[in-house]
Structure formats: structure tokens, C-alpha cells
Amino acid sequence: MKKKTIKKAENIVKRQLDRKIIDSSVNKLNNIRRVFVDELNKLKFELYSLKEDIRLMKGWSSDIENHKKQLEELPKNLFGRYNDKSAATEIQEIIKIKEKVLENRGYKDKNTILMKEKKLNLNKYREYYSEYKEQFL
């Protein structure tokens, strides 16, 4: 009789502990989810992503120009073909890959970078003036 009562009491305590553990785990997961969603929202609206886009586009476009210069400098034979075909194909592949990546980011030409920089400046001005807007009203 005592063993059954003790076992029932243990089960009751165990269930309550299990519920507390599950509830705390659910709360922790919800908090993590909220933080994650907040970070995603920051990436959508913060200037950082635009700055990063501009930096990457400038770097990749200059890399493409450098690779094209390297390709032009490679020695050619009488028929206009490259003597070192493996080096030429490697450089051409790098150029294709970087152009594709730039295209995926919305890059069309150098004006794209200028437009993104203008947008970044506009966002900075809006942010700056919104801080002082209340003073002038």
C-alpha cells in the first residue's frame, strides 16, 4: 500500500516537473524565435545590408575588370586563340561566376552602385532629420 501511494505521489510530482520543464523549454524557444525574427527584420530595414551590398558590388566589379585585363594580357597565337587554354578558361569561369553573382544582387552596370549609394544617403538623411523633426514642429 505504501509503495503504491509513494509511486502515485512520485508520478504526480514527476508530471508537474515535466510540465514545468516543457513550459520553460517552450518559453525559451519562443524567446529565441522572437529574437531571430527581430534580427531578420533589422536586416531588412537597416542600412547595414545596403552598405554591404555596395561594398560587395564594388569589390566584385573591380575583380571582374582585373580578370578581364589578365585575360587580355594572356599570349595568343596567330589565330587569336590563347596559348595557355587552361589559364584562359579558368579566368573566364571566374568572370562568369562573379558576373552571375552580381546579376543576382541586381547589378546591371556601374550606375546600379551609384543608385544604391544615393538610396543609402537618402536613408541616412531621413534618419537624421527624423531625430530632429519634433523640435521644429
N, C-alpha and C. Protein backbone atom coordinates (compact mmCIF):
# COMPACT_ATOMS: atom_id res chain seq x y z
N MET A 1 0.81 -1.19 0.00
CA MET A 1 0.00 0.00 0.00
C MET A 1 0.86 1.26 0.00
N LYS A 2 1.89 1.24 0.85
CA LYS A 2 2.76 2.40 0.92
C LYS A 2 3.48 2.61 -0.40
N LYS A 3 3.90 1.50 -1.03
CA LYS A 3 4.64 1.60 -2.29
C LYS A 3 3.77 2.23 -3.38
N LYS A 4 2.49 1.82 -3.43
CA LYS A 4 1.58 2.37 -4.43
C LYS A 4 1.37 3.87 -4.21
N THR A 5 1.19 4.25 -2.95
CA THR A 5 0.99 5.66 -2.63
C THR A 5 2.24 6.47 -2.97
N ILE A 6 3.38 5.93 -2.63
CA ILE A 6 4.64 6.62 -2.93
C ILE A 6 4.81 6.76 -4.45
N LYS A 7 4.49 5.69 -5.17
CA LYS A 7 4.62 5.72 -6.62
C LYS A 7 3.67 6.74 -7.23
N LYS A 8 2.41 6.80 -6.73
CA LYS A 8 1.45 7.78 -7.22
C LYS A 8 1.93 9.20 -6.94
N ALA A 9 2.46 9.39 -5.74
CA ALA A 9 2.98 10.72 -5.38
C ALA A 9 4.15 11.09 -6.28
N GLU A 10 5.03 10.13 -6.55
CA GLU A 10 6.17 10.38 -7.44
C GLU A 10 5.69 10.74 -8.85
N ASN A 11 4.67 10.04 -9.32
CA ASN A 11 4.13 10.33 -10.66
C ASN A 11 3.53 11.73 -10.73
N ILE A 12 2.80 12.11 -9.66
CA ILE A 12 2.21 13.45 -9.62
C ILE A 12 3.30 14.51 -9.65
N VAL A 13 4.31 14.34 -8.81
CA VAL A 13 5.42 15.29 -8.77
C VAL A 13 6.16 15.30 -10.10
N LYS A 14 6.35 14.09 -10.65
CA LYS A 14 7.07 13.96 -11.92
C LYS A 14 6.32 14.68 -13.04
N ARG A 15 4.99 14.52 -13.10
CA ARG A 15 4.19 15.19 -14.13
C ARG A 15 4.31 16.70 -14.01
N GLN A 16 4.25 17.20 -12.77
CA GLN A 16 4.37 18.65 -12.59
C GLN A 16 5.75 19.14 -13.01
N LEU A 17 6.78 18.38 -12.67
CA LEU A 17 8.13 18.75 -13.09
C LEU A 17 8.26 18.71 -14.61
N ASP A 18 7.69 17.66 -15.21
CA ASP A 18 7.73 17.55 -16.67
C ASP A 18 7.03 18.74 -17.33
N ARG A 19 5.87 19.13 -16.78
CA ARG A 19 5.15 20.28 -17.32
C ARG A 19 5.98 21.55 -17.20
N LYS A 20 6.62 21.73 -16.03
CA LYS A 20 7.45 22.92 -15.83
C LYS A 20 8.62 22.94 -16.82
N ILE A 21 9.24 21.78 -16.99
CA ILE A 21 10.37 21.69 -17.92
C ILE A 21 9.90 21.98 -19.35
N ILE A 22 8.77 21.39 -19.72
CA ILE A 22 8.24 21.61 -21.07
C ILE A 22 7.86 23.07 -21.27
N ASP A 23 7.17 23.65 -20.27
CA ASP A 23 6.77 25.06 -20.37
C ASP A 23 7.98 25.98 -20.48
N SER A 24 9.00 25.72 -19.67
CA SER A 24 10.19 26.57 -19.73
C SER A 24 10.91 26.40 -21.07
N SER A 25 10.92 25.18 -21.59
CA SER A 25 11.54 24.94 -22.90
C SER A 25 10.78 25.67 -24.01
N VAL A 26 9.45 25.61 -23.94
CA VAL A 26 8.63 26.31 -24.93
C VAL A 26 8.87 27.81 -24.85
N ASN A 27 8.94 28.35 -23.63
CA ASN A 27 9.21 29.78 -23.47
C ASN A 27 10.58 30.16 -24.03
N LYS A 28 11.58 29.33 -23.76
CA LYS A 28 12.92 29.60 -24.30
C LYS A 28 12.91 29.59 -25.82
N LEU A 29 12.24 28.60 -26.40
CA LEU A 29 12.17 28.53 -27.86
C LEU A 29 11.43 29.73 -28.45
N ASN A 30 10.34 30.15 -27.79
CA ASN A 30 9.61 31.33 -28.26
C ASN A 30 10.47 32.58 -28.19
N ASN A 31 11.25 32.71 -27.10
CA ASN A 31 12.15 33.86 -26.99
C ASN A 31 13.20 33.85 -28.09
N ILE A 32 13.76 32.67 -28.35
CA ILE A 32 14.76 32.55 -29.42
C ILE A 32 14.13 32.91 -30.76
N ARG A 33 12.91 32.45 -30.99
CA ARG A 33 12.22 32.75 -32.24
C ARG A 33 11.99 34.25 -32.39
N ARG A 34 11.56 34.90 -31.29
CA ARG A 34 11.34 36.35 -31.33
C ARG A 34 12.62 37.10 -31.66
N VAL A 35 13.71 36.70 -31.00
CA VAL A 35 14.99 37.35 -31.25
C VAL A 35 15.41 37.14 -32.71
N PHE A 36 15.23 35.94 -33.21
CA PHE A 36 15.59 35.63 -34.59
C PHE A 36 14.78 36.48 -35.57
N VAL A 37 13.47 36.57 -35.34
CA VAL A 37 12.61 37.38 -36.21
C VAL A 37 13.02 38.85 -36.14
N ASP A 38 13.34 39.34 -34.94
CA ASP A 38 13.79 40.73 -34.79
C ASP A 38 15.06 40.97 -35.60
N GLU A 39 16.00 40.03 -35.53
CA GLU A 39 17.26 40.18 -36.28
C GLU A 39 16.99 40.17 -37.78
N LEU A 40 16.08 39.31 -38.22
CA LEU A 40 15.74 39.29 -39.65
C LEU A 40 15.12 40.62 -40.08
N ASN A 41 14.25 41.16 -39.25
CA ASN A 41 13.63 42.45 -39.57
C ASN A 41 14.67 43.56 -39.63
N LYS A 42 15.65 43.51 -38.74
CA LYS A 42 16.72 44.51 -38.77
C LYS A 42 17.48 44.43 -40.09
N LEU A 43 17.75 43.21 -40.54
CA LEU A 43 18.48 43.05 -41.80
C LEU A 43 17.69 43.61 -42.98
N LYS A 44 16.37 43.52 -42.90
CA LYS A 44 15.55 44.03 -44.00
C LYS A 44 15.60 45.56 -44.05
N PHE A 45 15.63 46.21 -42.90
CA PHE A 45 15.46 47.65 -42.88
C PHE A 45 16.69 48.44 -42.49
N GLU A 46 17.71 47.80 -41.94
CA GLU A 46 18.87 48.56 -41.52
C GLU A 46 19.74 48.92 -42.70
N LEU A 47 20.53 49.97 -42.51
CA LEU A 47 21.41 50.44 -43.56
C LEU A 47 22.56 49.48 -43.82
N TYR A 48 22.83 48.60 -42.86
CA TYR A 48 23.97 47.70 -42.97
C TYR A 48 23.91 46.88 -44.25
N SER A 49 22.74 46.33 -44.56
CA SER A 49 22.64 45.46 -45.72
C SER A 49 22.90 46.23 -47.01
N LEU A 50 22.45 47.48 -47.07
CA LEU A 50 22.70 48.30 -48.25
C LEU A 50 24.18 48.65 -48.36
N LYS A 51 24.79 48.97 -47.22
CA LYS A 51 26.24 49.25 -47.22
C LYS A 51 27.00 48.02 -47.68
N GLU A 52 26.60 46.87 -47.17
CA GLU A 52 27.28 45.62 -47.52
C GLU A 52 27.10 45.31 -49.00
N ASP A 53 25.90 45.54 -49.52
CA ASP A 53 25.65 45.34 -50.95
C ASP A 53 26.59 46.20 -51.79
N ILE A 54 26.69 47.47 -51.43
CA ILE A 54 27.54 48.40 -52.18
C ILE A 54 29.00 47.95 -52.11
N ARG A 55 29.45 47.58 -50.93
CA ARG A 55 30.85 47.15 -50.76
C ARG A 55 31.14 45.91 -51.61
N LEU A 56 30.24 44.94 -51.54
CA LEU A 56 30.44 43.71 -52.32
C LEU A 56 30.41 43.98 -53.82
N MET A 57 29.46 44.80 -54.25
CA MET A 57 29.35 45.09 -55.68
C MET A 57 30.60 45.79 -56.20
N LYS A 58 31.11 46.75 -55.42
CA LYS A 58 32.33 47.45 -55.85
C LYS A 58 33.50 46.48 -55.93
N GLY A 59 33.64 45.64 -54.93
CA GLY A 59 34.74 44.68 -54.91
C GLY A 59 34.66 43.69 -56.06
N TRP A 60 33.47 43.13 -56.27
CA TRP A 60 33.32 42.13 -57.33
C TRP A 60 33.48 42.75 -58.71
N SER A 61 32.93 43.96 -58.91
CA SER A 61 33.05 44.57 -60.24
C SER A 61 34.50 44.91 -60.54
N SER A 62 35.26 45.36 -59.53
CA SER A 62 36.68 45.63 -59.77
C SER A 62 37.45 44.33 -60.01
N ASP A 63 37.06 43.25 -59.31
CA ASP A 63 37.68 41.94 -59.56
C ASP A 63 37.44 41.49 -61.00
N ILE A 64 36.21 41.69 -61.49
CA ILE A 64 35.89 41.30 -62.86
C ILE A 64 36.75 42.08 -63.85
N GLU A 65 36.89 43.40 -63.61
CA GLU A 65 37.72 44.21 -64.50
C GLU A 65 39.17 43.73 -64.49
N ASN A 66 39.68 43.41 -63.30
CA ASN A 66 41.06 42.91 -63.21
C ASN A 66 41.23 41.59 -63.95
N HIS A 67 40.25 40.70 -63.82
CA HIS A 67 40.33 39.41 -64.50
C HIS A 67 40.25 39.59 -66.02
N LYS A 68 39.43 40.54 -66.47
CA LYS A 68 39.35 40.80 -67.91
C LYS A 68 40.68 41.33 -68.44
N LYS A 69 41.35 42.18 -67.65
CA LYS A 69 42.68 42.67 -68.04
C LYS A 69 43.67 41.51 -68.11
N GLN A 70 43.62 40.62 -67.13
CA GLN A 70 44.50 39.45 -67.14
C GLN A 70 44.25 38.60 -68.39
N LEU A 71 42.98 38.47 -68.75
CA LEU A 71 42.62 37.67 -69.92
C LEU A 71 43.17 38.31 -71.19
N GLU A 72 43.12 39.64 -71.27
CA GLU A 72 43.66 40.34 -72.43
C GLU A 72 45.17 40.21 -72.52
N GLU A 73 45.83 40.14 -71.37
CA GLU A 73 47.29 40.07 -71.35
C GLU A 73 47.84 38.68 -71.66
N LEU A 74 46.98 37.67 -71.62
CA LEU A 74 47.45 36.31 -71.92
C LEU A 74 47.91 36.24 -73.39
N PRO A 75 49.04 35.56 -73.63
CA PRO A 75 49.54 35.48 -75.02
C PRO A 75 48.63 34.63 -75.91
N LYS A 76 48.49 35.11 -77.17
CA LYS A 76 47.64 34.41 -78.14
C LYS A 76 48.50 33.95 -79.32
N ASN A 77 48.00 32.95 -80.02
CA ASN A 77 48.71 32.50 -81.22
C ASN A 77 48.23 33.29 -82.44
N LEU A 78 48.65 32.89 -83.61
CA LEU A 78 48.30 33.62 -84.84
C LEU A 78 46.80 33.65 -85.12
N PHE A 79 46.10 32.65 -84.67
CA PHE A 79 44.66 32.55 -84.95
C PHE A 79 43.80 33.24 -83.88
N GLY A 80 44.42 33.90 -82.92
CA GLY A 80 43.68 34.60 -81.88
C GLY A 80 43.24 33.73 -80.72
N ARG A 81 43.76 32.51 -80.67
CA ARG A 81 43.43 31.62 -79.55
C ARG A 81 44.52 31.72 -78.50
N TYR A 82 44.14 31.43 -77.27
CA TYR A 82 45.10 31.53 -76.16
C TYR A 82 46.08 30.36 -76.20
N ASN A 83 47.35 30.67 -75.92
CA ASN A 83 48.36 29.61 -75.85
C ASN A 83 48.13 28.72 -74.63
N ASP A 84 47.84 29.36 -73.50
CA ASP A 84 47.57 28.61 -72.26
C ASP A 84 46.05 28.53 -72.07
N LYS A 85 45.46 27.49 -72.65
CA LYS A 85 43.99 27.37 -72.64
C LYS A 85 43.43 27.16 -71.24
N SER A 86 44.15 26.44 -70.40
CA SER A 86 43.64 26.16 -69.05
C SER A 86 43.55 27.44 -68.23
N ALA A 87 44.56 28.29 -68.32
CA ALA A 87 44.53 29.56 -67.58
C ALA A 87 43.41 30.45 -68.11
N ALA A 88 43.24 30.48 -69.42
CA ALA A 88 42.20 31.31 -70.03
C ALA A 88 40.81 30.84 -69.61
N THR A 89 40.58 29.53 -69.66
CA THR A 89 39.25 29.03 -69.26
C THR A 89 38.99 29.25 -67.78
N GLU A 90 40.04 29.14 -66.96
CA GLU A 90 39.88 29.38 -65.52
C GLU A 90 39.47 30.83 -65.26
N ILE A 91 40.15 31.76 -65.92
CA ILE A 91 39.82 33.19 -65.75
C ILE A 91 38.41 33.47 -66.27
N GLN A 92 38.06 32.88 -67.41
CA GLN A 92 36.72 33.08 -67.97
C GLN A 92 35.63 32.54 -67.04
N GLU A 93 35.89 31.42 -66.40
CA GLU A 93 34.93 30.85 -65.45
C GLU A 93 34.75 31.77 -64.24
N ILE A 94 35.87 32.30 -63.74
CA ILE A 94 35.79 33.23 -62.60
C ILE A 94 34.96 34.44 -62.97
N ILE A 95 35.19 34.98 -64.17
CA ILE A 95 34.44 36.15 -64.63
C ILE A 95 32.95 35.81 -64.72
N LYS A 96 32.61 34.67 -65.30
CA LYS A 96 31.20 34.26 -65.42
C LYS A 96 30.52 34.14 -64.06
N ILE A 97 31.22 33.50 -63.13
CA ILE A 97 30.65 33.29 -61.79
C ILE A 97 30.39 34.62 -61.10
N LYS A 98 31.39 35.51 -61.15
CA LYS A 98 31.22 36.80 -60.46
C LYS A 98 30.16 37.66 -61.14
N GLU A 99 30.07 37.60 -62.46
CA GLU A 99 29.02 38.34 -63.15
C GLU A 99 27.64 37.81 -62.78
N LYS A 100 27.53 36.49 -62.64
CA LYS A 100 26.25 35.89 -62.26
C LYS A 100 25.85 36.31 -60.84
N VAL A 101 26.82 36.33 -59.94
CA VAL A 101 26.55 36.73 -58.55
C VAL A 101 26.10 38.19 -58.51
N LEU A 102 26.78 39.04 -59.27
CA LEU A 102 26.39 40.45 -59.32
C LEU A 102 24.99 40.61 -59.90
N GLU A 103 24.71 39.84 -60.94
CA GLU A 103 23.39 39.90 -61.56
C GLU A 103 22.31 39.49 -60.56
N ASN A 104 22.59 38.48 -59.74
CA ASN A 104 21.63 38.04 -58.73
C ASN A 104 21.38 39.11 -57.67
N ARG A 105 22.35 39.97 -57.44
CA ARG A 105 22.18 41.06 -56.46
C ARG A 105 21.55 42.30 -57.09
N GLY A 106 21.22 42.23 -58.38
CA GLY A 106 20.56 43.36 -59.03
C GLY A 106 21.51 44.29 -59.74
N TYR A 107 22.76 43.88 -59.92
CA TYR A 107 23.76 44.73 -60.57
C TYR A 107 23.60 44.64 -62.08
N LYS A 108 23.48 45.80 -62.73
CA LYS A 108 23.42 45.81 -64.19
C LYS A 108 24.65 46.51 -64.76
N ASP A 109 24.97 47.67 -64.20
CA ASP A 109 26.18 48.39 -64.60
C ASP A 109 26.62 49.27 -63.44
N LYS A 110 27.60 50.13 -63.68
CA LYS A 110 28.13 50.95 -62.58
C LYS A 110 27.08 51.90 -62.01
N ASN A 111 26.07 52.24 -62.81
CA ASN A 111 25.01 53.12 -62.32
C ASN A 111 24.20 52.47 -61.20
N THR A 112 24.16 51.16 -61.18
CA THR A 112 23.45 50.45 -60.11
C THR A 112 24.07 50.78 -58.76
N ILE A 113 25.40 50.79 -58.70
CA ILE A 113 26.09 51.12 -57.45
C ILE A 113 25.79 52.56 -57.06
N LEU A 114 25.82 53.47 -58.04
CA LEU A 114 25.51 54.87 -57.75
C LEU A 114 24.10 55.03 -57.20
N MET A 115 23.14 54.31 -57.78
CA MET A 115 21.76 54.40 -57.30
C MET A 115 21.64 53.87 -55.87
N LYS A 116 22.34 52.78 -55.57
CA LYS A 116 22.30 52.24 -54.21
C LYS A 116 22.94 53.22 -53.22
N GLU A 117 24.03 53.88 -53.64
CA GLU A 117 24.67 54.86 -52.76
C GLU A 117 23.74 56.04 -52.51
N LYS A 118 23.02 56.49 -53.54
CA LYS A 118 22.06 57.58 -53.35
C LYS A 118 20.96 57.18 -52.38
N LYS A 119 20.48 55.94 -52.54
CA LYS A 119 19.43 55.44 -51.64
C LYS A 119 19.94 55.38 -50.21
N LEU A 120 21.19 54.96 -50.03
CA LEU A 120 21.80 54.90 -48.71
C LEU A 120 21.87 56.30 -48.10
N ASN A 121 22.31 57.28 -48.90
CA ASN A 121 22.39 58.65 -48.41
C ASN A 121 21.02 59.20 -48.04
N LEU A 122 20.02 58.90 -48.87
CA LEU A 122 18.66 59.34 -48.56
C LEU A 122 18.18 58.76 -47.24
N ASN A 123 18.45 57.48 -47.04
CA ASN A 123 18.04 56.84 -45.78
C ASN A 123 18.74 57.48 -44.59
N LYS A 124 20.03 57.83 -44.76
CA LYS A 124 20.77 58.48 -43.68
C LYS A 124 20.16 59.84 -43.37
N TYR A 125 19.84 60.61 -44.43
CA TYR A 125 19.24 61.93 -44.22
C TYR A 125 17.89 61.81 -43.54
N ARG A 126 17.09 60.86 -43.97
CA ARG A 126 15.77 60.67 -43.35
C ARG A 126 15.92 60.35 -41.87
N GLU A 127 16.87 59.48 -41.58
CA GLU A 127 17.10 59.10 -40.19
C GLU A 127 17.56 60.31 -39.38
N TYR A 128 18.45 61.10 -39.96
CA TYR A 128 19.00 62.27 -39.27
C TYR A 128 17.90 63.30 -39.01
N TYR A 129 17.10 63.59 -40.03
CA TYR A 129 16.07 64.61 -39.86
C TYR A 129 14.91 64.13 -39.01
N SER A 130 14.64 62.83 -39.00
CA SER A 130 13.54 62.34 -38.17
C SER A 130 13.86 62.50 -36.69
N GLU A 131 15.15 62.50 -36.34
CA GLU A 131 15.53 62.71 -34.94
C GLU A 131 15.22 64.14 -34.50
N TYR A 132 15.37 65.09 -35.42
CA TYR A 132 15.20 66.49 -35.07
C TYR A 132 13.85 67.06 -35.52
N LYS A 133 13.03 66.24 -36.13
CA LYS A 133 11.75 66.69 -36.66
C LYS A 133 10.85 67.27 -35.58
N GLU A 134 10.82 66.62 -34.43
CA GLU A 134 9.94 67.05 -33.35
C GLU A 134 10.30 68.44 -32.83
N GLN A 135 11.55 68.80 -32.92
CA GLN A 135 11.98 70.12 -32.43
C GLN A 135 11.40 71.25 -33.28
N PHE A 136 11.18 70.97 -34.57
CA PHE A 136 10.74 72.02 -35.48
C PHE A 136 9.23 72.11 -35.61
N LEU A 137 8.51 71.17 -35.02
CA LEU A 137 7.04 71.20 -35.13
C LEU A 137 6.42 72.12 -34.13
